[in-house]
Amino acid sequence: SKAPKIKKEELHLNFDNPAEEALRRIRAFSPAPGAYAFWGKTRVKVLKATIDPAQSPGGGEPPGTVRVSADKRFLTVACRKSSIRVAEIQPEGGRPLTAHEMLNGHPDIDGARLC
């Protein structure tokens, strides 16, 4: 039997949900069609991520807030419970970038909100 067609709404990441749910969505849809979020008006695909082991539940940041790890290897995105560590991200129309490369090209992503 065939699986139902994936709808565009299913690809959108909702950081108001627990981090585990966002991570499952990222893994299911990576690399294509790709789970995405919006950074301002730009759509970004999240290609590789893990649960952030250092974050306590809630994390203290509003859901979707992006922080850069101390070693600049990961972008940490707050979720309702815990956070995810993004290792690879792809801006709309661009190539896949590591978190470090994204930070070099877009230093203003630290503190930004993904929605």
N, C-alpha and C. Protein backbone atom coordinates (compact mmCIF):
# COMPACT_ATOMS: atom_id res chain seq x y z
N SER A 1 0.84 -1.19 0.00
CA SER A 1 0.00 0.00 0.00
C SER A 1 0.88 1.25 0.00
N LYS A 2 0.32 2.33 -0.44
CA LYS A 2 1.06 3.58 -0.52
C LYS A 2 0.85 4.41 0.73
N ALA A 3 1.87 5.14 1.07
CA ALA A 3 1.77 6.07 2.20
C ALA A 3 1.09 7.35 1.72
N PRO A 4 0.41 8.07 2.62
CA PRO A 4 -0.22 9.32 2.20
C PRO A 4 0.83 10.36 1.84
N LYS A 5 0.46 11.26 0.94
CA LYS A 5 1.36 12.31 0.51
C LYS A 5 1.70 13.24 1.68
N ILE A 6 2.95 13.67 1.75
CA ILE A 6 3.39 14.58 2.81
C ILE A 6 2.93 15.98 2.46
N LYS A 7 2.26 16.61 3.41
CA LYS A 7 1.79 17.99 3.20
C LYS A 7 2.85 18.96 3.68
N LYS A 8 2.88 20.14 3.08
CA LYS A 8 3.87 21.16 3.41
C LYS A 8 3.80 21.54 4.89
N GLU A 9 2.59 21.54 5.46
CA GLU A 9 2.42 21.90 6.87
C GLU A 9 3.13 20.91 7.80
N GLU A 10 3.25 19.67 7.37
CA GLU A 10 3.91 18.65 8.18
C GLU A 10 5.41 18.88 8.29
N LEU A 11 5.99 19.61 7.34
CA LEU A 11 7.42 19.86 7.32
C LEU A 11 7.84 21.00 8.23
N HIS A 12 6.89 21.85 8.60
CA HIS A 12 7.20 23.04 9.41
C HIS A 12 7.46 22.64 10.86
N LEU A 13 8.58 23.10 11.41
CA LEU A 13 8.96 22.80 12.79
C LEU A 13 8.23 23.75 13.74
N ASN A 14 7.67 23.20 14.79
CA ASN A 14 7.00 23.99 15.81
C ASN A 14 7.78 23.81 17.11
N PHE A 15 8.49 24.84 17.51
CA PHE A 15 9.34 24.74 18.70
C PHE A 15 8.56 24.88 20.00
N ASP A 16 7.25 25.09 19.91
CA ASP A 16 6.40 25.07 21.11
C ASP A 16 6.17 23.64 21.58
N ASN A 17 6.54 22.67 20.75
CA ASN A 17 6.42 21.26 21.09
C ASN A 17 7.72 20.80 21.77
N PRO A 18 7.69 19.63 22.41
CA PRO A 18 8.93 19.12 23.02
C PRO A 18 10.04 18.91 21.98
N ALA A 19 11.28 18.98 22.44
CA ALA A 19 12.44 18.83 21.56
C ALA A 19 12.45 17.48 20.86
N GLU A 20 11.98 16.43 21.52
CA GLU A 20 11.96 15.09 20.92
C GLU A 20 11.09 15.08 19.67
N GLU A 21 9.97 15.79 19.71
CA GLU A 21 9.08 15.83 18.55
C GLU A 21 9.72 16.57 17.38
N ALA A 22 10.38 17.69 17.66
CA ALA A 22 11.08 18.43 16.61
C ALA A 22 12.19 17.57 16.02
N LEU A 23 12.93 16.86 16.86
CA LEU A 23 14.02 16.02 16.38
C LEU A 23 13.51 14.88 15.50
N ARG A 24 12.40 14.27 15.88
CA ARG A 24 11.82 13.20 15.05
C ARG A 24 11.42 13.72 13.68
N ARG A 25 10.87 14.93 13.65
CA ARG A 25 10.46 15.54 12.39
C ARG A 25 11.68 15.84 11.51
N ILE A 26 12.75 16.33 12.11
CA ILE A 26 13.98 16.62 11.37
C ILE A 26 14.55 15.35 10.77
N ARG A 27 14.62 14.30 11.56
CA ARG A 27 15.18 13.04 11.06
C ARG A 27 14.31 12.41 9.98
N ALA A 28 13.00 12.52 10.13
CA ALA A 28 12.08 11.90 9.17
C ALA A 28 12.16 12.57 7.80
N PHE A 29 12.34 13.87 7.76
CA PHE A 29 12.26 14.59 6.49
C PHE A 29 13.61 15.06 5.94
N SER A 30 14.72 14.66 6.57
CA SER A 30 16.04 15.09 6.10
C SER A 30 16.62 14.04 5.18
N PRO A 31 17.27 14.35 4.10
CA PRO A 31 17.54 15.68 3.59
C PRO A 31 16.41 16.23 2.72
N ALA A 32 15.59 15.36 2.16
CA ALA A 32 14.49 15.85 1.32
C ALA A 32 13.20 15.20 1.79
N PRO A 33 12.15 15.92 1.89
CA PRO A 33 11.93 17.30 1.49
C PRO A 33 12.49 18.32 2.48
N GLY A 34 12.79 17.92 3.70
CA GLY A 34 13.45 18.81 4.66
C GLY A 34 12.50 19.52 5.60
N ALA A 35 12.72 19.34 6.90
CA ALA A 35 11.95 20.06 7.92
C ALA A 35 12.49 21.49 7.98
N TYR A 36 11.59 22.45 8.09
CA TYR A 36 12.03 23.85 8.02
C TYR A 36 11.39 24.70 9.10
N ALA A 37 11.99 25.87 9.29
CA ALA A 37 11.46 26.92 10.15
C ALA A 37 11.75 28.25 9.44
N PHE A 38 11.15 29.30 9.93
CA PHE A 38 11.40 30.61 9.35
C PHE A 38 12.26 31.43 10.28
N TRP A 39 13.26 32.08 9.70
CA TRP A 39 14.10 33.05 10.39
C TRP A 39 13.80 34.38 9.73
N GLY A 40 12.94 35.15 10.36
CA GLY A 40 12.41 36.35 9.71
C GLY A 40 11.55 35.90 8.55
N LYS A 41 11.89 36.34 7.35
CA LYS A 41 11.14 35.92 6.16
C LYS A 41 11.86 34.81 5.39
N THR A 42 13.01 34.40 5.87
CA THR A 42 13.81 33.37 5.19
C THR A 42 13.50 31.99 5.75
N ARG A 43 13.21 31.07 4.85
CA ARG A 43 12.99 29.69 5.27
C ARG A 43 14.34 29.00 5.37
N VAL A 44 14.56 28.29 6.48
CA VAL A 44 15.79 27.52 6.67
C VAL A 44 15.43 26.07 6.97
N LYS A 45 16.11 25.15 6.29
CA LYS A 45 15.92 23.73 6.55
C LYS A 45 16.90 23.31 7.64
N VAL A 46 16.42 22.55 8.59
CA VAL A 46 17.28 21.98 9.62
C VAL A 46 17.58 20.55 9.17
N LEU A 47 18.84 20.27 8.86
CA LEU A 47 19.21 18.99 8.28
C LEU A 47 19.75 17.98 9.29
N LYS A 48 20.54 18.44 10.26
CA LYS A 48 21.10 17.54 11.27
C LYS A 48 20.98 18.18 12.64
N ALA A 49 20.47 17.41 13.60
CA ALA A 49 20.31 17.93 14.95
C ALA A 49 20.28 16.78 15.95
N THR A 50 20.52 17.11 17.21
CA THR A 50 20.42 16.18 18.32
C THR A 50 19.76 16.90 19.49
N ILE A 51 19.38 16.13 20.50
CA ILE A 51 18.88 16.74 21.73
C ILE A 51 20.07 17.34 22.47
N ASP A 52 19.92 18.53 23.01
CA ASP A 52 21.00 19.18 23.76
C ASP A 52 21.06 18.57 25.15
N PRO A 53 22.12 17.81 25.46
CA PRO A 53 22.21 17.16 26.76
C PRO A 53 22.45 18.13 27.91
N ALA A 54 22.95 19.33 27.62
CA ALA A 54 23.28 20.29 28.68
C ALA A 54 22.08 21.11 29.14
N GLN A 55 21.02 21.14 28.35
CA GLN A 55 19.87 21.99 28.68
C GLN A 55 18.94 21.32 29.67
N SER A 56 18.49 22.07 30.62
CA SER A 56 17.48 21.58 31.55
C SER A 56 16.11 21.75 30.89
N PRO A 57 15.09 21.01 31.34
CA PRO A 57 13.76 21.17 30.76
C PRO A 57 13.32 22.63 30.83
N GLY A 58 12.81 23.12 29.70
CA GLY A 58 12.39 24.51 29.64
C GLY A 58 13.49 25.40 29.13
N GLY A 59 14.71 25.20 29.56
CA GLY A 59 15.87 25.92 29.06
C GLY A 59 15.94 27.39 29.42
N GLY A 60 14.85 27.99 29.88
CA GLY A 60 14.87 29.39 30.27
C GLY A 60 14.71 30.37 29.12
N GLU A 61 14.71 29.91 27.89
CA GLU A 61 14.54 30.78 26.71
C GLU A 61 13.16 30.53 26.10
N PRO A 62 12.58 31.53 25.46
CA PRO A 62 11.32 31.30 24.74
C PRO A 62 11.54 30.30 23.60
N PRO A 63 10.55 29.45 23.30
CA PRO A 63 10.70 28.47 22.22
C PRO A 63 11.09 29.14 20.90
N GLY A 64 12.06 28.55 20.22
CA GLY A 64 12.54 29.06 18.95
C GLY A 64 13.75 29.96 19.04
N THR A 65 14.17 30.32 20.27
CA THR A 65 15.33 31.19 20.45
C THR A 65 16.61 30.43 20.11
N VAL A 66 17.46 31.06 19.31
CA VAL A 66 18.72 30.44 18.86
C VAL A 66 19.87 30.99 19.69
N ARG A 67 20.70 30.09 20.20
CA ARG A 67 21.93 30.47 20.89
C ARG A 67 23.08 29.67 20.28
N VAL A 68 24.26 30.25 20.30
CA VAL A 68 25.45 29.60 19.76
C VAL A 68 26.19 28.91 20.90
N SER A 69 26.63 27.66 20.66
CA SER A 69 27.38 26.95 21.68
C SER A 69 28.73 27.63 21.89
N ALA A 70 29.35 27.38 23.04
CA ALA A 70 30.62 28.02 23.38
C ALA A 70 31.71 27.72 22.36
N ASP A 71 31.72 26.50 21.82
CA ASP A 71 32.74 26.13 20.83
C ASP A 71 32.34 26.50 19.39
N LYS A 72 31.16 27.10 19.23
CA LYS A 72 30.63 27.56 17.93
C LYS A 72 30.45 26.42 16.94
N ARG A 73 30.22 25.20 17.44
CA ARG A 73 29.99 24.05 16.57
C ARG A 73 28.50 23.76 16.39
N PHE A 74 27.66 24.33 17.28
CA PHE A 74 26.23 24.04 17.23
C PHE A 74 25.42 25.31 17.45
N LEU A 75 24.23 25.32 16.87
CA LEU A 75 23.22 26.32 17.18
C LEU A 75 22.21 25.62 18.07
N THR A 76 21.96 26.15 19.24
CA THR A 76 21.01 25.56 20.16
C THR A 76 19.68 26.30 20.01
N VAL A 77 18.62 25.55 19.74
CA VAL A 77 17.29 26.12 19.57
C VAL A 77 16.41 25.64 20.71
N ALA A 78 15.86 26.59 21.47
CA ALA A 78 15.01 26.26 22.60
C ALA A 78 13.68 25.70 22.12
N CYS A 79 13.21 24.67 22.80
CA CYS A 79 11.89 24.09 22.56
C CYS A 79 11.11 24.19 23.87
N ARG A 80 9.87 23.70 23.87
CA ARG A 80 9.07 23.78 25.09
C ARG A 80 9.73 22.98 26.22
N LYS A 81 10.21 21.82 25.90
CA LYS A 81 10.93 21.01 26.88
C LYS A 81 12.30 20.72 26.29
N SER A 82 13.35 21.15 26.96
CA SER A 82 14.73 20.95 26.52
C SER A 82 15.03 21.79 25.28
N SER A 83 16.07 21.42 24.55
CA SER A 83 16.50 22.16 23.36
C SER A 83 17.11 21.18 22.37
N ILE A 84 17.24 21.63 21.13
CA ILE A 84 17.93 20.83 20.14
C ILE A 84 19.22 21.53 19.75
N ARG A 85 20.22 20.74 19.41
CA ARG A 85 21.52 21.26 18.94
C ARG A 85 21.57 21.03 17.44
N VAL A 86 21.55 22.10 16.67
CA VAL A 86 21.57 22.02 15.21
C VAL A 86 23.02 22.00 14.73
N ALA A 87 23.36 20.97 13.97
CA ALA A 87 24.72 20.85 13.44
C ALA A 87 24.79 21.27 11.99
N GLU A 88 23.69 21.14 11.25
CA GLU A 88 23.68 21.50 9.83
C GLU A 88 22.35 22.14 9.48
N ILE A 89 22.43 23.25 8.74
CA ILE A 89 21.25 24.05 8.40
C ILE A 89 21.42 24.55 6.97
N GLN A 90 20.30 24.73 6.26
CA GLN A 90 20.36 25.19 4.87
C GLN A 90 19.42 26.37 4.66
N PRO A 91 19.98 27.57 4.47
CA PRO A 91 19.13 28.72 4.16
C PRO A 91 18.47 28.53 2.79
N GLU A 92 17.30 29.11 2.62
CA GLU A 92 16.58 29.01 1.36
C GLU A 92 17.45 29.52 0.20
N GLY A 93 17.57 28.70 -0.83
CA GLY A 93 18.37 29.08 -2.00
C GLY A 93 19.85 28.88 -1.84
N GLY A 94 20.30 28.38 -0.71
CA GLY A 94 21.73 28.20 -0.44
C GLY A 94 22.10 26.75 -0.29
N ARG A 95 23.36 26.52 -0.02
CA ARG A 95 23.85 25.17 0.18
C ARG A 95 23.77 24.82 1.67
N PRO A 96 23.82 23.54 2.02
CA PRO A 96 23.85 23.17 3.43
C PRO A 96 25.10 23.73 4.11
N LEU A 97 24.93 24.27 5.31
CA LEU A 97 26.02 24.87 6.07
C LEU A 97 26.12 24.23 7.45
N THR A 98 27.35 24.09 7.94
CA THR A 98 27.51 23.69 9.34
C THR A 98 27.11 24.90 10.19
N ALA A 99 26.89 24.66 11.46
CA ALA A 99 26.52 25.77 12.35
C ALA A 99 27.62 26.83 12.36
N HIS A 100 28.87 26.40 12.32
CA HIS A 100 30.00 27.34 12.32
C HIS A 100 29.97 28.21 11.06
N GLU A 101 29.73 27.60 9.91
CA GLU A 101 29.66 28.36 8.65
C GLU A 101 28.48 29.33 8.66
N MET A 102 27.36 28.88 9.21
CA MET A 102 26.18 29.75 9.30
C MET A 102 26.48 30.96 10.17
N LEU A 103 27.17 30.73 11.26
CA LEU A 103 27.52 31.81 12.17
C LEU A 103 28.50 32.79 11.52
N ASN A 104 29.45 32.28 10.73
CA ASN A 104 30.39 33.16 10.03
C ASN A 104 29.68 34.07 9.04
N GLY A 105 28.70 33.54 8.33
CA GLY A 105 28.00 34.32 7.33
C GLY A 105 26.85 35.16 7.89
N HIS A 106 26.30 34.71 9.01
CA HIS A 106 25.14 35.38 9.62
C HIS A 106 25.33 35.48 11.13
N PRO A 107 26.23 36.35 11.60
CA PRO A 107 26.47 36.43 13.04
C PRO A 107 25.24 36.90 13.84
N ASP A 108 24.27 37.50 13.16
CA ASP A 108 23.08 37.98 13.84
C ASP A 108 22.08 36.86 14.18
N ILE A 109 22.42 35.61 13.84
CA ILE A 109 21.51 34.51 14.17
C ILE A 109 21.51 34.22 15.67
N ASP A 110 22.59 34.57 16.38
CA ASP A 110 22.64 34.37 17.83
C ASP A 110 21.60 35.28 18.49
N GLY A 111 20.66 34.67 19.18
CA GLY A 111 19.60 35.41 19.84
C GLY A 111 18.35 35.58 18.99
N ALA A 112 18.42 35.16 17.72
CA ALA A 112 17.27 35.28 16.82
C ALA A 112 16.20 34.25 17.21
N ARG A 113 15.02 34.41 16.64
CA ARG A 113 13.93 33.46 16.88
C ARG A 113 13.57 32.74 15.59
N LEU A 114 13.50 31.44 15.65
CA LEU A 114 12.98 30.65 14.55
C LEU A 114 11.52 30.35 14.85
N CYS A 115 10.71 30.45 13.84
CA CYS A 115 9.28 30.14 14.04
C CYS A 115 8.75 29.34 12.86
